[in-house]
Amino acid sequence: MGYILAIDQGTTSSRAIIFDDAMQIVTSDQMEFTQHFPDSGWVEHTPNELWNTVISTCHGAFKKADITAADIAGIGITNQRETTIVWDKVTGEPVYNAIVWQDRRTAKTCDALRDAGHEPMFTDATGLLLDPYFSGTKLAWILDNVEGVRTRAEAGELLFGTVDCYLMWRFTNGASHVTDATNAARTLLYDIRKGAWSREICDLLNIPMAMLPEVKDCAADFGTVAPEHLGAAVPILGVAGDQQAATIGQACFEPGMMKSTYGTGCFALMNTGDVPVTSNNRLLTTIAYQFDGKPTYALEGSIFIAGAVVQWLRDGLGVIASAAESQTMAEAADPMQDVVVVPAFTGLGAPYWNAECRGAVYGLTRNSGPNELARAALESVGFQTLDLLNAMRADWDGDGRAALRVDGGMSNSNFAMQFLADVIDAPVDRPTVVETTALGVAWLAGMRAGLYPSREEFAKTWKVDKNFVPVMATEQRRKKTEKWSRAVTATLSV
């Protein structure tokens, strides 16, 4: 029997998941790490701590499964995207903490570039908007603000990478300075149409191109783990950023297929095939995956607050003790009341991209209580997803009402998923395997190792756990969505 090791290096924890030769999870291990907030809007991780938690969880998973690294046929890595690390190419020592994707310190840099008229150039090449979210301005900040770093970078002494790249460099003792196309596509430095780093953008941001890694397919030979790290030499054969890994794990391989992951926030991707679709609605154009040198593109939209709205009910208002209670309360809400929560706690994401507005509640009456707030909170996730999908449907000339495949913690709420199907007027499918991110990179590595089936056969293994179909009357849907639109408009105007 052969095994695949999937490493899921996330924003708050690292996980190692062992899959068997039938793509079933054997066991997993998880370890949280420290979040650093050195200034307002700044978020950092310690690169060495990321590395140490990855190594620890790999060994922990081996112990639980009663196997060794010698039993592993290949490794797949998925990671928090956009997080930026710069390190010494000889010693591996980071020159600064990892600047996390959530970090907003380069907002003024992005504003200045936008005011100077550069955003169309960035968007045309990378498919992205000028926003601190992405890696490019983070890298420029490190070069410009950490003493001595620019001189060392220009002398060819330093390397840049996202977390996947840094881990692979460490695993191979510096033999591999590589990344995959999905992570490269999130850096604000990679031309997704030409499949190459953009010299024009690097020159504008004053970034030495010698720092940048080689870009490979999602399933490729990324290098071999040095034996001292895991106990044996193991090939790294699959890599994808977390949201793209979930898209692969959901087998969204045909144009028009969509997945939406509901965690703290929500990320929705629609496969648009071999053509990068430019959004007119401030969505992102990105690479969904790349095989045999041929990228498949996607439209992506993000919601800042999804599962976090339930945390607000629990921690902020104290009206529930656990997330599971929100569904029971929503089902008990007074159907004659129509409360709307716009959870703009940190602004609104796509398609609005307004970081300044804040949350609001509309439609309160004297009889409104915890049940009505719980229902409105769960419904807000469906409404926000509708806004994303409407933007995607407007941008993409295809069947925009294909089934939406969902995953993430909030997808376990039958109430939320049924309302989602009702409000988007399309089927919603929850799979039997909810670990779609880890499954995506496990399949990449296993397929490359010859252990797992082809893309077509893998897609046939995808199975639905529960299918939610629209049952809401058309007129009711219209009234509810119009009220949501008015609420969002009011929130944006404050």
Protein backbone atom coordinates (compact mmCIF):
# COMPACT_ATOMS: atom_id res chain seq x y z
CA MET A 1 0.00 0.00 0.00
CA GLY A 2 1.21 3.50 -0.83
CA TYR A 3 0.36 6.66 1.04
CA ILE A 4 0.23 10.34 0.13
CA LEU A 5 1.12 13.09 2.59
CA ALA A 6 -0.86 16.34 2.16
CA ILE A 7 0.57 19.37 3.95
CA ASP A 8 -1.97 22.15 4.55
CA GLN A 9 -0.11 25.21 5.79
CA GLY A 10 -2.88 27.64 6.75
CA THR A 11 -3.20 31.08 8.29
CA THR A 12 -3.61 29.96 11.90
CA SER A 13 -2.36 26.36 11.91
CA SER A 14 -0.41 23.75 10.00
CA ARG A 15 -1.85 20.31 9.27
CA ALA A 16 -0.50 17.06 7.90
CA ILE A 17 -3.02 14.60 6.44
CA ILE A 18 -2.25 11.02 5.39
CA PHE A 19 -4.27 9.59 2.49
CA ASP A 20 -4.25 5.91 1.51
CA ASP A 21 -4.12 4.46 -2.00
CA ALA A 22 -7.92 4.81 -2.27
CA MET A 23 -7.77 8.58 -1.56
CA GLN A 24 -9.28 8.06 1.89
CA ILE A 25 -7.99 9.94 4.94
CA VAL A 26 -6.07 7.69 7.34
CA THR A 27 -5.23 10.28 9.97
CA SER A 28 -4.10 13.88 10.46
CA ASP A 29 -2.19 16.07 12.87
CA GLN A 30 -2.55 19.80 13.50
CA MET A 31 -0.64 22.52 15.31
CA GLU A 32 -1.44 26.21 15.77
CA PHE A 33 1.21 28.91 15.67
CA THR A 34 1.62 32.49 16.83
CA GLN A 35 -0.07 35.45 15.16
CA HIS A 36 1.93 38.69 15.37
CA PHE A 37 0.29 42.14 15.15
CA PRO A 38 3.17 44.63 15.46
CA ASP A 39 1.13 47.64 14.33
CA SER A 40 -2.41 48.58 13.34
CA GLY A 41 -3.39 46.58 10.26
CA TRP A 42 -0.14 44.59 10.30
CA VAL A 43 -0.19 40.77 10.47
CA GLU A 44 2.96 38.64 10.55
CA HIS A 45 4.09 35.05 11.07
CA THR A 46 7.51 33.76 12.06
CA PRO A 47 8.78 31.71 9.07
CA ASN A 48 10.77 29.34 11.25
CA GLU A 49 7.67 28.63 13.32
CA LEU A 50 5.71 27.81 10.17
CA TRP A 51 8.48 25.40 9.19
CA ASN A 52 8.69 23.81 12.63
CA THR A 53 4.92 23.24 12.86
CA VAL A 54 4.92 21.62 9.42
CA ILE A 55 7.72 19.23 10.41
CA SER A 56 6.08 18.45 13.76
CA THR A 57 2.67 17.69 12.24
CA CYS A 58 4.21 15.45 9.57
CA HIS A 59 5.91 13.37 12.24
CA GLY A 60 2.75 13.43 14.34
CA ALA A 61 0.69 12.08 11.44
CA PHE A 62 3.26 9.35 10.73
CA LYS A 63 3.10 8.25 14.37
CA LYS A 64 -0.72 8.17 14.42
CA ALA A 65 -0.83 6.16 11.18
CA ASP A 66 1.99 3.87 12.36
CA ILE A 67 3.97 4.45 9.17
CA THR A 68 7.25 6.13 8.22
CA ALA A 69 8.26 8.52 5.49
CA ALA A 70 9.50 5.53 3.51
CA ASP A 71 5.83 4.53 3.04
CA ILE A 72 4.97 7.88 1.39
CA ALA A 73 4.78 7.84 -2.42
CA GLY A 74 4.59 11.62 -2.72
CA ILE A 75 3.84 14.91 -0.97
CA GLY A 76 1.28 17.55 -1.89
CA ILE A 77 1.46 21.05 -0.43
CA THR A 78 -1.33 23.60 -0.14
CA ASN A 79 -0.85 26.92 1.57
CA GLN A 80 -2.15 30.26 2.69
CA ARG A 81 -1.82 32.36 -0.45
CA GLU A 82 -0.11 35.76 -0.93
CA THR A 83 1.87 35.58 2.35
CA THR A 84 5.37 36.88 1.58
CA ILE A 85 8.78 35.64 2.79
CA VAL A 86 12.32 36.78 1.91
CA TRP A 87 15.30 34.68 3.00
CA ASP A 88 19.06 34.24 2.57
CA LYS A 89 19.74 31.93 -0.37
CA VAL A 90 22.64 30.23 1.44
CA THR A 91 21.57 30.00 5.08
CA GLY A 92 17.79 30.06 4.64
CA GLU A 93 17.51 32.65 7.39
CA PRO A 94 14.51 34.99 6.82
CA VAL A 95 15.39 38.68 6.70
CA TYR A 96 12.00 39.64 8.16
CA ASN A 97 8.84 37.97 9.40
CA ALA A 98 6.38 36.59 6.86
CA ILE A 99 3.94 39.36 5.91
CA VAL A 100 0.53 37.68 5.92
CA TRP A 101 -2.10 38.03 3.19
CA GLN A 102 -4.36 39.88 5.66
CA ASP A 103 -1.74 42.60 6.22
CA ARG A 104 -2.75 46.13 5.10
CA ARG A 105 0.51 48.07 5.56
CA THR A 106 0.96 48.74 1.83
CA ALA A 107 -2.45 50.39 1.34
CA LYS A 108 -0.89 53.80 0.68
CA THR A 109 1.53 52.27 -1.84
CA CYS A 110 -1.40 50.74 -3.70
CA ASP A 111 -3.27 54.04 -3.58
CA ALA A 112 -0.27 55.89 -5.01
CA LEU A 113 0.13 53.37 -7.84
CA ARG A 114 -3.58 53.62 -8.59
CA ASP A 115 -3.52 57.43 -8.55
CA ALA A 116 -0.58 57.33 -10.96
CA GLY A 117 -2.74 55.37 -13.41
CA HIS A 118 -0.95 52.00 -13.11
CA GLU A 119 -3.85 49.75 -12.06
CA PRO A 120 -4.96 48.84 -15.64
CA MET A 121 -1.44 47.59 -16.38
CA PHE A 122 -1.43 45.41 -13.26
CA THR A 123 -4.91 44.06 -13.98
CA ASP A 124 -4.22 43.34 -17.65
CA ALA A 125 -1.13 41.30 -16.80
CA THR A 126 -2.02 39.65 -13.50
CA GLY A 127 -5.83 39.64 -13.43
CA LEU A 128 -5.66 41.24 -9.97
CA LEU A 129 -6.55 44.59 -8.48
CA LEU A 130 -4.07 46.90 -6.78
CA ASP A 131 -4.57 45.85 -3.19
CA PRO A 132 -2.29 45.15 -0.18
CA TYR A 133 -3.78 41.62 -0.18
CA PHE A 134 -1.29 40.47 -2.83
CA SER A 135 2.42 39.71 -2.48
CA GLY A 136 4.05 42.26 -4.80
CA THR A 137 3.77 45.38 -2.66
CA LYS A 138 4.59 43.34 0.47
CA LEU A 139 7.87 42.27 -1.16
CA ALA A 140 8.59 45.86 -2.18
CA TRP A 141 7.96 46.97 1.41
CA ILE A 142 10.53 44.49 2.78
CA LEU A 143 13.08 45.64 0.21
CA ASP A 144 12.48 49.30 1.02
CA ASN A 145 12.07 49.16 4.81
CA VAL A 146 14.32 46.47 6.24
CA GLU A 147 17.85 47.74 6.62
CA GLY A 148 20.35 46.32 4.16
CA VAL A 149 17.86 44.07 2.40
CA ARG A 150 17.71 45.91 -0.92
CA THR A 151 21.50 45.92 -1.26
CA ARG A 152 21.63 42.20 -0.53
CA ALA A 153 18.77 41.46 -2.94
CA GLU A 154 20.41 43.38 -5.76
CA ALA A 155 23.64 41.46 -5.06
CA GLY A 156 21.72 38.19 -5.64
CA GLU A 157 21.92 37.04 -2.02
CA LEU A 158 18.20 36.82 -1.24
CA LEU A 159 15.19 34.84 -2.45
CA PHE A 160 11.47 35.58 -2.42
CA GLY A 161 8.65 33.10 -2.16
CA THR A 162 5.15 32.44 -0.95
CA VAL A 163 4.81 29.87 1.84
CA ASP A 164 4.80 26.85 -0.49
CA CYS A 165 8.04 28.04 -2.06
CA TYR A 166 9.72 28.64 1.30
CA LEU A 167 8.72 25.19 2.59
CA MET A 168 10.03 23.45 -0.53
CA TRP A 169 13.31 25.34 -0.30
CA ARG A 170 13.66 24.18 3.32
CA PHE A 171 12.59 20.60 2.56
CA THR A 172 15.17 20.28 -0.24
CA ASN A 173 17.95 22.09 1.65
CA GLY A 174 17.95 24.85 -0.95
CA ALA A 175 17.97 22.63 -4.03
CA SER A 176 14.51 23.79 -5.19
CA HIS A 177 13.47 27.44 -5.47
CA VAL A 178 10.11 26.75 -7.11
CA THR A 179 6.41 27.50 -6.92
CA ASP A 180 3.33 26.56 -8.92
CA ALA A 181 1.25 28.62 -11.30
CA THR A 182 -1.65 29.14 -8.87
CA ASN A 183 0.57 30.69 -6.20
CA ALA A 184 2.53 32.72 -8.75
CA ALA A 185 -0.78 34.09 -10.04
CA ARG A 186 -1.49 35.66 -6.63
CA THR A 187 1.74 37.65 -6.30
CA LEU A 188 0.80 40.68 -8.46
CA LEU A 189 4.06 39.98 -10.33
CA TYR A 190 3.09 37.14 -12.69
CA ASP A 191 1.64 37.62 -16.16
CA ILE A 192 -1.07 34.96 -16.24
CA ARG A 193 -1.50 35.24 -20.01
CA LYS A 194 2.18 34.97 -20.93
CA GLY A 195 2.95 32.48 -18.15
CA ALA A 196 6.00 34.45 -17.01
CA TRP A 197 7.07 36.97 -14.41
CA SER A 198 6.33 40.51 -15.59
CA ARG A 199 9.50 42.52 -16.10
CA GLU A 200 7.45 45.71 -16.45
CA ILE A 201 5.80 45.24 -13.05
CA CYS A 202 9.04 44.18 -11.35
CA ASP A 203 10.76 47.27 -12.74
CA LEU A 204 7.92 49.51 -11.52
CA LEU A 205 8.08 48.02 -8.00
CA ASN A 206 11.89 47.91 -8.12
CA ILE A 207 12.04 44.15 -7.49
CA PRO A 208 15.14 42.21 -8.68
CA MET A 209 13.82 39.36 -10.83
CA ALA A 210 16.64 37.07 -9.70
CA MET A 211 14.75 36.75 -6.40
CA LEU A 212 11.74 35.07 -8.05
CA PRO A 213 11.22 31.29 -8.13
CA GLU A 214 10.76 28.99 -11.12
CA VAL A 215 7.06 28.43 -11.89
CA LYS A 216 5.81 24.88 -12.50
CA ASP A 217 2.53 23.06 -13.17
CA CYS A 218 0.40 22.07 -10.18
CA ALA A 219 1.48 18.44 -10.66
CA ALA A 220 5.22 18.39 -11.25
CA ASP A 221 8.56 17.31 -9.83
CA PHE A 222 9.18 20.06 -7.27
CA GLY A 223 12.17 18.40 -5.64
CA THR A 224 12.95 15.71 -3.09
CA VAL A 225 12.76 16.11 0.67
CA ALA A 226 16.18 15.63 2.25
CA PRO A 227 16.08 12.47 4.43
CA GLU A 228 16.97 14.23 7.68
CA HIS A 229 13.68 16.17 7.74
CA LEU A 230 11.11 13.35 7.60
CA GLY A 231 13.26 10.22 7.87
CA ALA A 232 13.44 9.34 4.18
CA ALA A 233 13.79 11.00 0.79
CA VAL A 234 10.27 11.74 -0.48
CA PRO A 235 9.32 13.52 -3.72
CA ILE A 236 7.15 16.66 -3.65
CA LEU A 237 4.75 16.15 -6.56
CA GLY A 238 1.76 18.49 -6.12
CA VAL A 239 1.29 22.14 -5.12
CA ALA A 240 -1.65 24.56 -5.22
CA GLY A 241 -2.77 27.59 -3.24
CA ASP A 242 -5.53 26.75 -0.79
CA GLN A 243 -8.54 28.01 -2.77
CA GLN A 244 -7.30 26.45 -6.01
CA ALA A 245 -6.61 23.20 -4.15
CA ALA A 246 -10.24 23.20 -2.99
CA THR A 247 -11.36 23.82 -6.58
CA ILE A 248 -9.36 20.77 -7.67
CA GLY A 249 -10.62 18.72 -4.71
CA GLN A 250 -14.19 19.61 -5.73
CA ALA A 251 -13.36 18.35 -9.26
CA CYS A 252 -14.45 21.65 -10.84
CA PHE A 253 -12.74 20.76 -14.12
CA GLU A 254 -15.36 21.97 -16.60
CA PRO A 255 -16.04 25.62 -17.59
CA GLY A 256 -18.94 27.02 -15.61
CA MET A 257 -18.38 24.80 -12.58
CA MET A 258 -18.19 26.73 -9.33
CA LYS A 259 -17.04 26.06 -5.78
CA SER A 260 -17.46 28.17 -2.68
CA THR A 261 -15.51 27.61 0.53
CA TYR A 262 -17.11 28.88 3.73
CA GLY A 263 -14.65 29.47 6.52
CA THR A 264 -14.15 32.71 8.42
CA GLY A 265 -14.76 34.36 5.07
CA CYS A 266 -15.79 32.88 1.76
CA PHE A 267 -13.93 32.32 -1.50
CA ALA A 268 -15.87 31.48 -4.66
CA LEU A 269 -14.20 30.37 -7.90
CA MET A 270 -15.78 29.77 -11.30
CA ASN A 271 -13.86 27.75 -13.90
CA THR A 272 -13.76 29.76 -17.16
CA GLY A 273 -11.69 27.30 -19.19
CA ASP A 274 -8.65 28.21 -21.25
CA VAL A 275 -9.61 31.88 -21.63
CA PRO A 276 -8.86 34.45 -18.90
CA VAL A 277 -12.07 36.44 -18.47
CA THR A 278 -11.59 40.10 -17.58
CA SER A 279 -14.13 41.15 -14.99
CA ASN A 280 -16.20 44.29 -15.32
CA ASN A 281 -17.40 43.82 -11.74
CA ARG A 282 -14.16 43.97 -9.77
CA LEU A 283 -13.73 40.22 -9.52
CA LEU A 284 -10.28 38.70 -9.84
CA THR A 285 -9.05 36.76 -12.84
CA THR A 286 -6.74 33.99 -11.73
CA ILE A 287 -5.35 30.56 -12.59
CA ALA A 288 -7.50 27.70 -11.28
CA TYR A 289 -4.86 25.06 -12.06
CA GLN A 290 -2.22 24.28 -14.66
CA PHE A 291 -1.36 20.93 -16.27
CA ASP A 292 1.10 20.22 -19.10
CA GLY A 293 1.99 23.91 -19.30
CA LYS A 294 -1.62 24.90 -20.09
CA PRO A 295 -3.40 27.08 -17.52
CA THR A 296 -7.10 26.85 -16.79
CA TYR A 297 -8.48 30.17 -15.60
CA ALA A 298 -11.11 31.21 -13.08
CA LEU A 299 -13.02 34.19 -11.83
CA GLU A 300 -12.65 34.61 -8.07
CA GLY A 301 -14.57 36.63 -5.54
CA SER A 302 -14.08 36.86 -1.80
CA ILE A 303 -16.44 37.62 1.07
CA PHE A 304 -14.75 38.95 4.18
CA ILE A 305 -17.34 37.67 6.69
CA ALA A 306 -19.05 34.28 6.34
CA GLY A 307 -18.57 31.91 9.28
CA ALA A 308 -17.33 34.90 11.29
CA VAL A 309 -20.90 36.21 11.43
CA VAL A 310 -21.81 33.16 13.55
CA GLN A 311 -18.78 33.85 15.76
CA TRP A 312 -20.19 37.36 16.19
CA LEU A 313 -23.49 35.91 17.41
CA ARG A 314 -21.56 33.81 19.92
CA ASP A 315 -18.69 36.04 21.05
CA GLY A 316 -19.99 39.53 20.28
CA LEU A 317 -23.67 39.30 21.19
CA GLY A 318 -23.64 36.20 23.38
CA VAL A 319 -26.94 34.96 21.93
CA ILE A 320 -25.61 31.47 21.14
CA ALA A 321 -23.23 29.18 23.01
CA SER A 322 -22.13 27.20 19.95
CA ALA A 323 -22.28 27.58 16.17
CA ALA A 324 -24.68 24.64 15.90
CA GLU A 325 -27.34 26.58 17.82
CA SER A 326 -27.61 29.17 15.04
CA GLN A 327 -29.47 26.75 12.77
CA THR A 328 -32.03 25.76 15.42
CA MET A 329 -32.65 29.41 16.27
CA ALA A 330 -32.93 30.42 12.61
CA GLU A 331 -35.55 27.74 12.05
CA ALA A 332 -37.51 29.07 15.05
CA ALA A 333 -37.46 32.70 13.87
CA ASP A 334 -40.74 34.55 13.26
CA PRO A 335 -41.45 34.23 9.51
CA MET A 336 -43.35 37.54 9.57
CA GLN A 337 -40.20 39.46 10.47
CA ASP A 338 -37.62 40.23 7.82
CA VAL A 339 -34.45 41.33 9.58
CA VAL A 340 -31.37 41.89 7.41
CA VAL A 341 -27.78 41.80 8.70
CA VAL A 342 -25.07 43.30 6.50
CA PRO A 343 -21.90 41.91 8.18
CA ALA A 344 -19.48 44.56 6.96
CA PHE A 345 -17.40 44.28 10.14
CA THR A 346 -14.20 44.85 8.15
CA GLY A 347 -15.83 46.38 5.08
CA LEU A 348 -17.35 44.55 2.11
CA GLY A 349 -15.38 42.38 -0.30
CA ALA A 350 -16.23 41.52 -3.89
CA PRO A 351 -17.90 42.93 -5.86
CA TYR A 352 -17.95 46.11 -3.71
CA TRP A 353 -14.37 46.32 -2.40
CA ASN A 354 -15.26 48.94 0.18
CA ALA A 355 -12.98 48.62 3.21
CA GLU A 356 -14.42 51.67 5.01
CA CYS A 357 -18.11 50.76 5.48
CA ARG A 358 -19.18 48.91 8.61
CA GLY A 359 -21.86 46.39 9.59
CA ALA A 360 -25.51 47.21 10.06
CA VAL A 361 -28.83 45.60 10.97
CA TYR A 362 -32.06 46.60 9.25
CA GLY A 363 -35.75 45.82 9.75
CA LEU A 364 -35.77 45.51 13.55
CA THR A 365 -39.11 45.56 15.34
CA ARG A 366 -40.06 45.45 19.01
CA ASN A 367 -40.46 41.69 18.67
CA SER A 368 -37.08 41.07 17.03
CA GLY A 369 -34.87 38.83 19.12
CA PRO A 370 -32.01 36.33 19.04
CA ASN A 371 -33.82 33.95 16.68
CA GLU A 372 -34.40 36.62 14.08
CA LEU A 373 -30.77 37.80 14.33
CA ALA A 374 -29.55 34.22 13.92
CA ARG A 375 -31.65 33.75 10.79
CA ALA A 376 -30.51 37.08 9.33
CA ALA A 377 -26.87 36.23 10.06
CA LEU A 378 -27.07 32.90 8.21
CA GLU A 379 -29.02 34.47 5.35
CA SER A 380 -26.37 37.18 4.96
CA VAL A 381 -23.93 34.55 3.71
CA GLY A 382 -26.37 33.49 1.00
CA PHE A 383 -27.02 37.08 -0.04
CA GLN A 384 -23.31 37.87 -0.25
CA THR A 385 -22.73 34.74 -2.33
CA LEU A 386 -25.54 35.84 -4.64
CA ASP A 387 -23.76 39.16 -5.18
CA LEU A 388 -20.59 37.27 -6.14
CA LEU A 389 -22.36 34.86 -8.47
CA ASN A 390 -24.34 37.64 -10.14
CA ALA A 391 -21.05 39.39 -10.87
CA MET A 392 -19.61 36.16 -12.26
CA ARG A 393 -22.71 35.54 -14.38
CA ALA A 394 -22.43 39.05 -15.78
CA ASP A 395 -18.73 38.61 -16.60
CA TRP A 396 -18.84 35.11 -18.08
CA ASP A 397 -20.86 34.21 -21.15
CA GLY A 398 -21.89 30.71 -20.18
CA ASP A 399 -24.27 28.68 -18.06
CA GLY A 400 -24.02 30.66 -14.86
CA ARG A 401 -26.60 28.53 -13.06
CA ALA A 402 -24.60 25.34 -12.82
CA ALA A 403 -24.60 23.68 -9.41
CA LEU A 404 -22.46 25.35 -6.74
CA ARG A 405 -20.20 22.93 -4.88
CA VAL A 406 -19.63 23.98 -1.28
CA ASP A 407 -17.19 23.12 1.49
CA GLY A 408 -15.85 24.60 4.70
CA GLY A 409 -17.31 24.60 8.19
CA MET A 410 -20.43 26.63 7.43
CA SER A 411 -21.43 24.24 4.64
CA ASN A 412 -22.50 21.85 7.43
CA SER A 413 -25.47 24.12 8.19
CA ASN A 414 -28.46 22.72 6.29
CA PHE A 415 -30.40 25.93 6.91
CA ALA A 416 -27.66 28.13 5.46
CA MET A 417 -27.14 25.88 2.44
CA GLN A 418 -30.87 25.59 1.68
CA PHE A 419 -31.25 29.36 1.85
CA LEU A 420 -28.19 29.66 -0.39
CA ALA A 421 -29.80 27.41 -3.01
CA ASP A 422 -33.05 29.37 -2.74
CA VAL A 423 -31.51 32.81 -3.08
CA ILE A 424 -29.06 31.98 -5.93
CA ASP A 425 -31.80 29.97 -7.69
CA ALA A 426 -29.42 27.10 -8.41
CA PRO A 427 -28.56 23.72 -6.87
CA VAL A 428 -26.01 23.58 -4.06
CA ASP A 429 -24.03 20.36 -3.62
CA ARG A 430 -22.17 19.41 -0.44
CA PRO A 431 -19.68 16.58 -1.04
CA THR A 432 -19.11 13.48 1.04
CA VAL A 433 -15.43 14.44 1.40
CA VAL A 434 -15.35 17.88 3.01
CA GLU A 435 -11.52 18.03 3.28
CA THR A 436 -11.43 19.29 -0.29
CA THR A 437 -8.30 21.45 0.06
CA ALA A 438 -6.13 18.58 1.33
CA LEU A 439 -7.79 16.16 -1.11
CA GLY A 440 -6.94 18.47 -4.03
CA VAL A 441 -3.20 18.44 -3.43
CA ALA A 442 -3.22 14.79 -2.36
CA TRP A 443 -4.73 13.92 -5.73
CA LEU A 444 -2.17 16.08 -7.55
CA ALA A 445 0.71 14.27 -5.84
CA GLY A 446 -0.89 10.83 -6.08
CA MET A 447 -1.71 11.26 -9.75
CA ARG A 448 1.85 12.35 -10.46
CA ALA A 449 3.15 9.36 -8.50
CA GLY A 450 0.98 6.97 -10.51
CA LEU A 451 -1.02 6.01 -7.43
CA TYR A 452 -4.22 7.93 -8.15
CA PRO A 453 -6.41 8.06 -11.29
CA SER A 454 -6.47 10.57 -14.14
CA ARG A 455 -8.35 13.85 -13.92
CA GLU A 456 -11.38 12.36 -15.67
CA GLU A 457 -11.50 9.32 -13.40
CA PHE A 458 -10.89 11.43 -10.31
CA ALA A 459 -13.87 13.62 -11.24
CA LYS A 460 -16.05 10.49 -11.29
CA THR A 461 -15.13 9.73 -7.68
CA TRP A 462 -16.66 13.02 -6.48
CA LYS A 463 -19.87 12.20 -4.60
CA VAL A 464 -22.57 14.40 -3.15
CA ASP A 465 -23.49 14.11 0.53
CA LYS A 466 -26.53 16.37 0.26
CA ASN A 467 -28.08 18.24 -2.64
CA PHE A 468 -30.01 21.44 -1.91
CA VAL A 469 -32.43 22.54 -4.64
CA PRO A 470 -34.27 25.88 -4.85
CA VAL A 471 -37.80 25.79 -3.40
CA MET A 472 -38.41 29.48 -2.70
CA ALA A 473 -41.16 31.15 -4.73
CA THR A 474 -39.93 33.61 -7.35
CA GLU A 475 -41.79 36.56 -5.85
CA GLN A 476 -40.47 35.87 -2.36
CA ARG A 477 -36.92 35.63 -3.74
CA ARG A 478 -37.36 38.95 -5.53
CA LYS A 479 -38.61 40.72 -2.42
CA LYS A 480 -35.86 39.37 -0.22
CA THR A 481 -33.05 40.15 -2.66
CA GLU A 482 -34.39 43.67 -3.27
CA LYS A 483 -34.42 44.31 0.48
CA TRP A 484 -30.84 43.03 0.73
CA SER A 485 -29.77 45.34 -2.10
CA ARG A 486 -31.34 48.34 -0.37
CA ALA A 487 -29.58 47.39 2.87
CA VAL A 488 -26.20 47.14 1.16
CA THR A 489 -26.72 50.48 -0.58
CA ALA A 490 -27.56 52.10 2.75
CA THR A 491 -24.52 50.53 4.41
CA LEU A 492 -22.18 51.70 1.67
CA SER A 493 -23.52 55.25 1.93
CA VAL A 494 -22.72 55.69 5.64
